[in-house]
Amino acid sequence: MVDPTTHLTRLEAGRRLYTPAHLHAAKDLLSPGPHDTAFIGTRETTLAAGQRLLRGRTGPVAVLNVASATTPAGVS
């Protein structure tokens, strides 16, 4: 039997309430800016792609795995 009390207490301590005012304040931060965005399908693992993209960069990098075991990189 697992007692969830500790986990629930931790979850409650970390919860945040976001009001409509927070949304409007964050909207300016999330608006598109003068950034180049690229979407590239490659035949490598998500981890390998992330490591490759991080080499020589100082800005944030995001990777998304949309492949399956039968159609790598979505290629049929």
Protein backbone atom coordinates (compact mmCIF):
# COMPACT_ATOMS: atom_id res chain seq x y z
CA MET A 1 0.00 0.00 0.00
CA VAL A 2 1.33 3.42 -0.96
CA ASP A 3 0.47 6.46 1.12
CA PRO A 4 -0.09 9.39 -1.27
CA THR A 5 -0.12 12.01 1.51
CA THR A 6 3.47 13.17 0.97
CA HIS A 7 2.99 13.42 -2.78
CA LEU A 8 -0.32 15.28 -2.45
CA THR A 9 1.18 17.74 0.04
CA ARG A 10 4.04 18.43 -2.36
CA LEU A 11 1.62 18.91 -5.26
CA GLU A 12 -0.51 21.33 -3.28
CA ALA A 13 2.56 23.34 -2.23
CA GLY A 14 3.62 23.71 -5.86
CA ARG A 15 0.28 24.65 -7.36
CA ARG A 16 -0.21 28.04 -8.99
CA LEU A 17 -3.33 30.01 -9.83
CA TYR A 18 -3.21 31.80 -13.17
CA THR A 19 -5.82 34.51 -13.56
CA PRO A 20 -6.90 36.31 -16.75
CA ALA A 21 -4.56 39.16 -15.72
CA HIS A 22 -1.63 36.71 -15.79
CA LEU A 23 -2.67 35.59 -19.27
CA HIS A 24 -2.70 39.15 -20.60
CA ALA A 25 0.69 39.90 -19.02
CA ALA A 26 2.22 36.74 -20.47
CA LYS A 27 0.72 37.29 -23.92
CA ASP A 28 3.30 39.97 -24.73
CA LEU A 29 6.11 37.60 -23.73
CA LEU A 30 4.71 34.82 -25.91
CA SER A 31 4.05 36.88 -29.01
CA PRO A 32 6.06 35.97 -32.09
CA GLY A 33 9.25 37.92 -32.40
CA PRO A 34 12.05 38.31 -34.91
CA HIS A 35 13.06 34.66 -34.73
CA ASP A 36 13.76 32.14 -37.45
CA THR A 37 11.82 28.93 -36.99
CA ALA A 38 12.70 25.71 -38.79
CA PHE A 39 10.91 22.39 -38.97
CA ILE A 40 13.15 19.57 -40.16
CA GLY A 41 12.42 15.85 -40.36
CA THR A 42 15.54 13.75 -39.83
CA ARG A 43 16.29 10.07 -39.45
CA GLU A 44 17.86 10.20 -36.01
CA THR A 45 16.65 9.78 -32.47
CA THR A 46 15.06 12.73 -30.71
CA LEU A 47 17.94 12.78 -28.22
CA ALA A 48 20.55 12.78 -31.02
CA ALA A 49 18.74 15.62 -32.81
CA GLY A 50 18.57 17.66 -29.60
CA GLN A 51 22.27 17.16 -28.94
CA ARG A 52 23.12 18.12 -32.52
CA LEU A 53 21.01 21.29 -32.32
CA LEU A 54 22.60 22.30 -29.01
CA ARG A 55 26.15 22.18 -30.37
CA GLY A 56 27.42 25.72 -30.70
CA ARG A 57 24.14 27.36 -29.66
CA THR A 58 23.34 29.43 -26.64
CA GLY A 59 19.59 29.88 -27.17
CA PRO A 60 16.77 27.48 -26.38
CA VAL A 61 16.23 24.39 -28.52
CA ALA A 62 13.09 22.24 -28.72
CA VAL A 63 12.67 18.80 -30.26
CA LEU A 64 9.48 16.86 -30.88
CA ASN A 65 9.24 13.15 -31.60
CA VAL A 66 6.33 12.55 -33.97
CA ALA A 67 7.62 9.30 -35.42
CA SER A 68 6.44 5.78 -34.81
CA ALA A 69 8.21 2.44 -34.84
CA THR A 70 6.78 1.62 -38.26
CA THR A 71 7.15 5.01 -39.98
CA PRO A 72 10.30 6.78 -38.76
CA ALA A 73 10.12 10.57 -39.21
CA GLY A 74 6.61 10.09 -40.57
CA VAL A 75 7.95 8.82 -43.91
CA SER A 76 5.73 6.17 -45.48
